[in-house]
C-alpha atoms as a PDB file:
ATOM      1  CA  ARG A   1     -28.891 -11.959 -32.091  1.00  0.00           C
ATOM      2  CA  LYS A   2     -30.895 -14.063 -29.199  1.00  0.00           C
ATOM      3  CA  ALA A   3     -27.562 -15.771 -28.229  1.00  0.00           C
ATOM      4  CA  ALA A   4     -25.767 -12.140 -27.094  1.00  0.00           C
ATOM      5  CA  ALA A   5     -29.175 -11.276 -25.395  1.00  0.00           C
ATOM      6  CA  ALA A   6     -28.290 -14.251 -23.430  1.00  0.00           C
ATOM      7  CA  GLY A   7     -25.252 -13.735 -22.384  1.00  0.00           C
ATOM      8  CA  LEU A   8     -23.742 -15.951 -24.837  1.00  0.00           C
ATOM      9  CA  THR A   9     -20.736 -15.834 -27.695  1.00  0.00           C
ATOM     10  CA  LEU A  10     -21.450 -18.833 -30.337  1.00  0.00           C
ATOM     11  CA  LEU A  11     -18.231 -20.134 -31.088  1.00  0.00           C
ATOM     12  CA  ASP A  12     -17.327 -21.594 -34.576  1.00  0.00           C
ATOM     13  CA  ASN A  13     -20.736 -21.928 -36.615  1.00  0.00           C
ATOM     14  CA  PRO A  14     -23.409 -24.478 -35.013  1.00  0.00           C
ATOM     15  CA  ASP A  15     -24.950 -26.578 -36.577  1.00  0.00           C
ATOM     16  CA  ILE A  16     -28.521 -26.318 -37.707  1.00  0.00           C
ATOM     17  CA  ASP A  17     -30.843 -29.201 -36.844  1.00  0.00           C
ATOM     18  CA  ARG A  18     -34.563 -29.788 -38.232  1.00  0.00           C
ATOM     19  CA  PRO A  19     -35.646 -26.249 -39.661  1.00  0.00           C
ATOM     20  CA  GLY A  20     -39.197 -26.576 -39.694  1.00  0.00           C
ATOM     21  CA  THR A  21     -42.599 -24.867 -38.220  1.00  0.00           C
ATOM     22  CA  LEU A  22     -44.950 -26.765 -35.140  1.00  0.00           C
ATOM     23  CA  THR A  23     -48.489 -26.095 -35.840  1.00  0.00           C
ATOM     24  CA  SER A  24     -52.250 -27.127 -33.814  1.00  0.00           C
ATOM     25  CA  GLU A  25     -55.002 -27.300 -35.647  1.00  0.00           C
ATOM     26  CA  ALA A  26     -56.668 -27.057 -32.028  1.00  0.00           C
ATOM     27  CA  LYS A  27     -55.356 -23.533 -30.973  1.00  0.00           C
ATOM     28  CA  HIS A  28     -54.468 -21.991 -34.549  1.00  0.00           C
ATOM     29  CA  LEU A  29     -50.683 -21.641 -33.202  1.00  0.00           C
ATOM     30  CA  SER A  30     -47.755 -21.853 -35.469  1.00  0.00           C
ATOM     31  CA  ILE A  31     -44.255 -21.808 -33.847  1.00  0.00           C
ATOM     32  CA  LYS A  32     -40.652 -21.756 -35.948  1.00  0.00           C
ATOM     33  CA  HIS A  33     -38.453 -24.055 -34.561  1.00  0.00           C
ATOM     34  CA  PHE A  34     -34.714 -25.419 -35.074  1.00  0.00           C
ATOM     35  CA  ARG A  35     -32.242 -26.919 -33.035  1.00  0.00           C
ATOM     36  CA  LEU A  36     -28.488 -25.145 -33.160  1.00  0.00           C
ATOM     37  CA  THR A  37     -25.998 -27.598 -31.676  1.00  0.00           C
ATOM     38  CA  GLY A  38     -22.216 -26.261 -30.998  1.00  0.00           C
ATOM     39  CA  LYS A  39     -20.524 -24.379 -28.529  1.00  0.00           C
ATOM     40  CA  ALA A  40     -20.847 -21.257 -26.785  1.00  0.00           C
ATOM     41  CA  THR A  41     -18.600 -18.577 -23.977  1.00  0.00           C
ATOM     42  CA  ILE A  42     -20.663 -17.539 -21.365  1.00  0.00           C
ATOM     43  CA  THR A  43     -20.059 -13.622 -21.424  1.00  0.00           C
ATOM     44  CA  ASN A  44     -22.579 -12.175 -19.277  1.00  0.00           C
ATOM     45  CA  PRO A  45     -23.708 -15.258 -16.004  1.00  0.00           C
ATOM     46  CA  ASP A  46     -26.506 -12.843 -14.862  1.00  0.00           C
ATOM     47  CA  LEU A  47     -28.060 -12.960 -18.737  1.00  0.00           C
ATOM     48  CA  TYR A  48     -27.249 -16.393 -19.201  1.00  0.00           C
ATOM     49  CA  THR A  49     -29.091 -17.631 -15.915  1.00  0.00           C
ATOM     50  CA  ALA A  50     -32.032 -15.905 -16.903  1.00  0.00           C
ATOM     51  CA  ALA A  51     -32.371 -17.356 -19.895  1.00  0.00           C
ATOM     52  CA  ALA A  52     -31.744 -21.016 -19.266  1.00  0.00           C
ATOM     53  CA  ARG A  53     -34.594 -20.169 -16.257  1.00  0.00           C
ATOM     54  CA  GLN A  54     -37.012 -18.563 -18.350  1.00  0.00           C
ATOM     55  CA  GLY A  55     -36.146 -19.755 -22.262  1.00  0.00           C
ATOM     56  CA  ILE A  56     -35.232 -18.343 -25.279  1.00  0.00           C
ATOM     57  CA  GLY A  57     -38.135 -16.407 -27.906  1.00  0.00           C
ATOM     58  CA  ALA A  58     -41.269 -15.494 -28.897  1.00  0.00           C
ATOM     59  CA  GLY A  59     -41.905 -19.819 -28.400  1.00  0.00           C
ATOM     60  CA  ARG A  60     -40.823 -20.067 -24.845  1.00  0.00           C
ATOM     61  CA  ALA A  61     -44.609 -19.549 -23.739  1.00  0.00           C
ATOM     62  CA  TYR A  62     -45.195 -22.849 -25.496  1.00  0.00           C
ATOM     63  CA  GLY A  63     -42.487 -24.494 -23.884  1.00  0.00           C
ATOM     64  CA  CYS A  64     -39.967 -23.888 -27.014  1.00  0.00           C
ATOM     65  CA  GLY A  65     -37.027 -21.475 -26.552  1.00  0.00           C
ATOM     66  CA  LEU A  66     -35.296 -23.894 -23.582  1.00  0.00           C
ATOM     67  CA  LEU A  67     -31.424 -24.239 -23.443  1.00  0.00           C
ATOM     68  CA  LEU A  68     -29.904 -27.564 -23.281  1.00  0.00           C
ATOM     69  CA  THR A  69     -26.216 -27.112 -21.528  1.00  0.00           C
ATOM     70  CA  LYS A  70     -23.409 -29.867 -20.679  1.00  0.00           C
END
């Protein structure tokens, strides 16, 4: 769902790496995280550009939700 909103179509089945939760005692913050590794096709360049600049998901304000593409 998030990939489609970012202008991407995932190809095959992506690998999911290190599912878990980051927590911070000082800020009482909990962010669920994981890493998807795989291939995708950019179906909407404008949406993808915005997602690459701004991130994806609720955790982007905390430095999460970033896209690394090659």
